[in-house]
Protein backbone atom coordinates (compact mmCIF):
# COMPACT_ATOMS: atom_id res chain seq x y z
CA MET A 1 140.59 60.06 95.13
CA LYS A 2 143.49 60.42 92.23
CA LEU A 3 146.97 58.73 92.90
CA GLY A 4 150.12 59.83 92.55
CA SER A 5 153.87 58.58 93.02
CA ARG A 6 154.19 61.51 95.79
CA THR A 7 152.43 62.83 98.43
CA HIS A 8 153.13 66.22 100.26
CA LEU A 9 150.41 65.54 103.00
CA SER A 10 151.65 62.42 105.93
CA LEU A 11 148.56 60.83 106.80
CA ARG A 12 149.49 57.50 108.80
CA SER A 13 145.89 57.17 110.45
CA VAL A 14 142.34 57.64 109.94
CA LEU A 15 139.43 58.06 111.86
CA PHE A 16 135.87 57.50 110.34
CA ALA A 17 133.32 57.75 112.74
CA THR A 18 130.32 56.14 112.26
CA ASP A 19 126.97 55.18 113.90
CA PHE A 20 125.60 53.04 110.85
CA SER A 21 123.14 55.79 109.58
CA PRO A 22 122.71 56.72 106.45
CA CYS A 23 124.83 59.48 106.82
CA SER A 24 127.69 57.83 108.05
CA GLU A 25 127.65 55.19 105.30
CA ALA A 26 127.95 58.50 102.37
CA ALA A 27 131.06 59.73 104.36
CA MET A 28 132.83 55.96 104.37
CA PRO A 29 133.91 56.13 101.01
CA TYR A 30 135.89 59.72 102.04
CA GLY A 31 137.31 57.56 104.40
CA ILE A 32 138.43 54.69 102.30
CA GLY A 33 139.70 57.28 99.78
CA MET A 34 142.00 58.64 102.01
CA ALA A 35 143.32 55.58 103.84
CA ARG A 36 144.07 54.41 100.09
CA ARG A 37 145.71 57.63 98.99
CA TYR A 38 147.79 58.38 101.80
CA ASP A 39 148.82 54.70 102.57
CA SER A 40 146.75 55.17 105.97
CA THR A 41 145.09 52.86 109.02
CA MET A 42 141.46 53.68 108.91
CA TYR A 43 140.03 52.61 112.20
CA THR A 44 136.27 52.29 112.01
CA VAL A 45 134.94 53.17 115.24
CA SER A 46 131.27 53.10 117.04
CA VAL A 47 130.17 54.17 119.44
CA VAL A 48 128.04 53.68 122.75
CA SER A 49 127.65 55.76 124.92
CA SER A 50 125.69 55.54 128.27
CA GLU A 51 125.27 59.13 128.57
CA LEU A 52 121.85 60.60 129.16
CA THR A 53 120.07 61.85 126.28
CA TYR A 54 117.73 65.16 126.04
CA ASP A 55 115.96 64.34 123.27
CA ILE A 56 112.60 63.86 123.92
CA HIS A 57 112.13 62.29 120.22
CA VAL A 58 114.14 59.19 121.16
CA GLN A 59 113.59 56.49 124.07
CA PRO A 60 117.08 54.97 125.21
CA PRO A 61 117.20 52.24 124.40
CA ASP A 62 118.76 49.23 126.70
CA PRO A 63 122.45 50.16 126.84
CA PHE A 64 123.17 45.86 125.76
CA TYR A 65 121.07 45.88 122.84
CA ARG A 66 122.78 48.82 121.64
CA ARG A 67 126.11 47.37 122.40
CA HIS A 68 125.35 43.86 120.36
CA SER A 69 123.66 45.39 117.36
CA ALA A 70 126.52 47.88 116.78
CA GLU A 71 128.79 44.89 116.86
CA LYS A 72 126.47 43.05 114.66
CA LYS A 73 126.75 46.00 112.52
CA MET A 74 130.71 46.86 112.85
CA GLU A 75 130.87 42.98 111.50
CA LYS A 76 129.20 43.57 108.63
CA VAL A 77 131.05 46.04 107.99
CA SER A 78 134.30 44.29 108.22
CA THR A 79 133.23 41.34 106.06
CA SER A 80 131.67 42.90 103.29
CA GLY A 81 134.87 44.04 101.43
CA VAL A 82 133.82 47.21 101.24
CA LEU A 83 137.61 48.09 103.14
CA GLN A 84 139.50 45.43 100.86
CA GLY A 85 143.00 47.57 99.65
CA ILE A 86 143.27 48.85 102.51
CA LYS A 87 144.90 48.66 106.54
CA HIS A 88 141.73 48.29 108.83
CA VAL A 89 140.92 48.08 112.07
CA GLU A 90 136.83 47.76 113.33
CA LEU A 91 136.25 48.65 116.97
CA VAL A 92 132.78 49.27 119.12
CA GLU A 93 133.73 51.76 122.10
CA GLU A 94 131.17 51.72 125.16
CA GLY A 95 131.67 54.88 128.62
CA PHE A 96 129.22 56.51 130.41
CA ASP A 97 131.34 60.19 128.26
CA SER A 98 129.83 61.42 126.39
CA VAL A 99 129.98 60.26 122.47
CA SER A 100 132.04 62.86 120.85
CA ARG A 101 134.62 62.83 124.22
CA MET A 102 134.97 59.44 123.33
CA LEU A 103 136.15 59.79 119.90
CA LEU A 104 138.02 62.58 121.20
CA ASP A 105 139.96 60.50 123.56
CA PHE A 106 140.78 58.12 120.77
CA VAL A 107 142.08 60.51 118.72
CA VAL A 108 144.69 61.38 120.89
CA GLY A 109 145.03 57.53 122.51
CA HIS A 110 145.63 56.47 118.62
CA ASP A 111 147.55 59.57 117.28
CA ILE A 112 144.83 59.87 114.54
CA ASP A 113 146.04 62.36 111.36
CA LEU A 114 142.48 62.86 110.14
CA ILE A 115 138.69 62.48 111.07
CA VAL A 116 136.06 61.45 108.89
CA LEU A 117 132.17 61.48 109.52
CA GLY A 118 129.01 62.15 108.44
CA MET A 119 126.31 64.71 109.54
CA HIS A 120 122.93 64.52 109.91
CA GLY A 121 121.73 68.39 109.47
CA CYS A 122 118.93 69.09 111.72
CA GLY A 123 118.24 72.90 112.84
CA GLY A 124 116.01 74.78 114.50
CA ILE A 125 114.86 73.81 117.46
CA ARG A 126 115.69 70.04 117.50
CA LYS A 127 119.54 71.64 117.16
CA LEU A 128 118.97 73.40 119.96
CA VAL A 129 117.99 70.78 122.54
CA VAL A 130 120.24 67.69 121.09
CA GLY A 131 123.33 69.65 119.50
CA SER A 132 125.44 68.40 117.40
CA VAL A 133 128.07 65.48 118.37
CA ALA A 134 130.04 66.30 114.24
CA GLU A 135 129.98 69.64 115.00
CA GLU A 136 131.35 69.18 118.53
CA ILE A 137 134.43 67.13 117.20
CA VAL A 138 134.52 69.34 114.04
CA ASN A 139 134.97 72.46 116.73
CA SER A 140 136.83 69.92 119.20
CA ALA A 141 139.48 67.69 117.34
CA PRO A 142 143.18 68.21 117.12
CA CYS A 143 143.76 67.22 114.12
CA PRO A 144 141.73 67.45 110.58
CA VAL A 145 137.90 66.72 110.65
CA LEU A 146 136.51 65.84 106.82
CA THR A 147 132.70 65.89 107.13
CA VAL A 148 130.16 64.72 104.84
CA GLY A 149 126.52 67.12 104.61
CA PRO A 150 123.84 66.10 104.10
CA HIS A 151 123.41 68.03 100.54
CA VAL A 152 126.19 65.73 99.73
CA PRO A 153 125.70 63.95 96.54
CA PRO A 154 126.26 60.27 97.52
CA LYS A 155 129.40 58.72 95.83
CA SER A 156 131.90 55.42 95.50
CA THR A 157 135.41 55.18 96.20
CA SER A 158 135.61 55.19 92.71
CA GLU A 159 133.70 58.34 91.85
CA LEU A 160 135.92 60.49 94.01
CA GLU A 161 138.41 62.79 92.79
CA LEU A 162 139.51 65.94 93.78
CA GLN A 163 139.78 68.88 90.97
CA ARG A 164 138.86 71.65 92.26
CA ILE A 165 140.11 72.86 96.01
CA LEU A 166 138.06 75.72 97.82
CA CYS A 167 139.48 77.22 100.35
CA ALA A 168 137.98 79.78 102.67
CA THR A 169 140.54 82.46 104.36
CA THR A 170 139.55 85.00 107.19
CA LEU A 171 142.79 86.68 106.64
CA GLN A 172 144.01 85.94 110.58
CA PRO A 173 147.01 84.10 111.37
CA SER A 174 145.59 81.07 111.47
CA SER A 175 144.70 81.18 107.83
CA ALA A 176 147.83 80.52 107.06
CA LYS A 177 148.19 76.89 108.13
CA THR A 178 145.31 76.33 106.40
CA LEU A 179 146.30 77.41 103.51
CA ALA A 180 149.13 75.45 103.86
CA TYR A 181 147.37 72.46 104.12
CA ALA A 182 144.91 73.14 101.77
CA LEU A 183 147.71 73.76 99.12
CA ALA A 184 149.70 70.26 99.77
CA LEU A 185 146.48 68.57 99.54
CA ALA A 186 145.76 70.08 95.92
CA ALA A 187 149.67 69.72 95.49
CA ASP A 188 148.74 65.72 96.23
CA GLU A 189 145.51 65.92 94.24
CA HIS A 190 146.86 67.55 91.30
CA ALA A 191 143.89 70.38 92.00
CA HIS A 192 142.82 73.39 91.72
CA LEU A 193 143.34 75.52 94.28
CA ILE A 194 140.82 78.92 94.99
CA LEU A 195 140.95 80.77 97.51
CA LEU A 196 137.66 82.61 99.02
CA HIS A 197 137.91 85.87 101.63
CA VAL A 198 134.90 87.14 102.02
CA LEU A 199 133.88 90.37 102.89
CA SER A 200 130.97 91.45 105.52
CA ALA A 201 128.45 94.05 104.42
CA ASP A 202 127.24 93.96 108.22
CA HIS A 203 129.00 97.27 108.11
CA PRO A 204 129.29 100.88 105.76
CA SER A 205 131.63 101.56 103.32
CA GLN A 206 132.48 104.26 101.35
CA ASP A 207 134.45 102.61 98.21
CA ARG A 208 134.01 98.83 98.27
CA GLU A 209 136.24 98.44 95.45
CA ALA A 210 138.91 99.60 97.15
CA GLU A 211 138.22 97.04 100.11
CA LYS A 212 137.98 94.42 97.59
CA ASP A 213 141.62 95.33 96.37
CA LEU A 214 142.76 95.34 99.79
CA ALA A 215 141.62 91.93 100.70
CA MET A 216 142.56 90.91 97.48
CA LYS A 217 146.39 91.87 97.95
CA GLN A 218 146.11 90.54 101.62
CA VAL A 219 145.08 86.92 99.98
CA LEU A 220 147.78 86.62 97.92
CA GLN A 221 150.40 87.82 100.97
CA LEU A 222 149.07 84.70 102.67
CA ILE A 223 150.60 82.42 99.47
CA PRO A 224 154.19 80.81 100.69
CA PRO A 225 156.76 82.41 98.63
CA GLU A 226 158.24 78.29 97.60
CA THR A 227 154.81 77.76 96.48
CA SER A 228 155.17 76.33 92.74
CA PRO A 229 154.73 78.64 90.12
CA SER A 230 152.99 75.70 88.66
CA ALA A 231 150.23 75.07 91.51
CA ARG A 232 146.86 76.16 89.80
CA LEU A 233 145.53 79.21 92.42
CA GLN A 234 142.92 81.73 91.57
CA PRO A 235 141.74 84.35 94.12
CA ILE A 236 138.13 85.26 94.60
CA VAL A 237 136.96 88.20 97.28
CA ALA A 238 133.44 88.26 97.44
CA ILE A 239 130.62 90.66 100.01
CA GLY A 240 128.15 89.49 101.73
CA ALA A 241 127.70 86.54 104.34
CA PRO A 242 130.01 84.20 104.52
CA ALA A 243 127.62 81.62 106.18
CA GLU A 244 125.67 81.76 102.51
CA HIS A 245 128.44 82.78 100.21
CA ILE A 246 131.08 79.64 101.22
CA PRO A 247 128.73 77.15 99.92
CA LYS A 248 127.79 79.28 97.19
CA VAL A 249 130.89 79.69 95.63
CA ALA A 250 132.15 76.48 96.27
CA GLU A 251 128.79 75.30 94.04
CA ASP A 252 129.65 77.79 91.27
CA VAL A 253 132.98 76.86 90.96
CA ARG A 254 132.35 72.97 91.18
CA ALA A 255 134.17 72.95 93.93
CA ASP A 256 134.96 68.65 95.14
CA LEU A 257 135.85 69.86 98.67
CA ILE A 258 135.70 72.95 101.00
CA VAL A 259 138.57 73.66 103.39
CA ILE A 260 137.90 76.17 106.06
CA GLY A 261 140.37 77.23 109.31
CA PRO A 262 139.24 76.86 113.18
CA PRO A 263 135.47 77.83 114.17
CA GLY A 264 137.32 79.96 116.92
CA THR A 265 134.14 79.38 119.11
CA PHE A 266 134.91 79.85 123.06
CA HIS A 267 132.89 76.13 124.20
CA PRO A 268 132.75 73.69 121.55
CA ARG A 269 129.51 71.92 123.58
CA ILE A 270 127.42 75.51 123.38
CA SER A 271 128.35 76.00 119.94
CA ALA A 272 127.01 72.76 118.46
CA HIS A 273 123.17 73.33 119.99
CA LEU A 274 123.69 76.69 117.64
CA PRO A 275 121.50 76.11 113.76
CA TRP A 276 122.46 79.88 113.12
CA ALA A 277 126.41 78.84 113.88
CA LEU A 278 128.32 79.69 111.16
CA LEU A 279 130.25 76.31 110.85
CA HIS A 280 126.65 74.76 111.54
CA GLN A 281 125.70 76.82 108.25
CA VAL A 282 128.40 76.19 105.61
CA LEU A 283 128.82 72.06 106.87
CA SER A 284 124.75 71.47 106.70
CA HIS A 285 124.61 73.21 103.01
CA ALA A 286 127.82 72.28 101.53
CA ARG A 287 127.25 70.31 98.37
CA CYS A 288 130.71 68.91 98.78
CA PRO A 289 132.81 67.45 101.92
CA VAL A 290 134.11 70.27 104.25
CA LEU A 291 137.51 69.68 105.96
CA ARG A 292 138.10 71.26 109.15
CA VAL A 293 142.28 72.53 109.93
């Protein structure tokens, strides 16, 4: 992440949630980068849950062994030197509630401003049965969540740089808040911001070009009037399926980050089991991190 003398966002505390898997390791540099960029305290937290699992492929190990194993791995993180230069706290939390519930309670209790986590990206029948802890957190968290999916190339902290940010908007009222966050982040990073709206191709239309023109005007109307004239903004309106176009456009413009708004799900835990959900498709297939505001 680029360092600058002035920031527009205030991130006092960052939660990096880890299960010590390769996908968590891939997300860790982003947590460190954000904590360093915003002079935040980074909480590295692993949860040992005694909740019954319905994963038929996994035999749950002894709770004592799991806690002991997590504590040893956390100690390795603490003494490895990777957190040098930032304020950091490492914790292993244990309880009988779900992993997502305990992490969300931690977010509220410690007034967390940003969550960073990795995604396994499982799909199909396995996702229907097991669900996704990461997606449940993304759906439920009261603060922004930065996810690093399975197709994001691994990077070290020194390689992280936000030059191009893609903000996907639905033109709903909540889009204004999402865009404001993306604009602030782009200003902090001196990044180019691409505003994307995808028109659905599911319904027939007599004049697609007129629809695109109207959508473009609506996208431009979302931009706050106080936005600096020097801000580098590029609006794009596409037609098709958002789940396919958002990751594709992000790759086409070589985006370093995708910013999206609330998924609007009626039940976060149920949605986390649906492999066809828009959120799952974007998080799982994007080749750059995704920030849900």
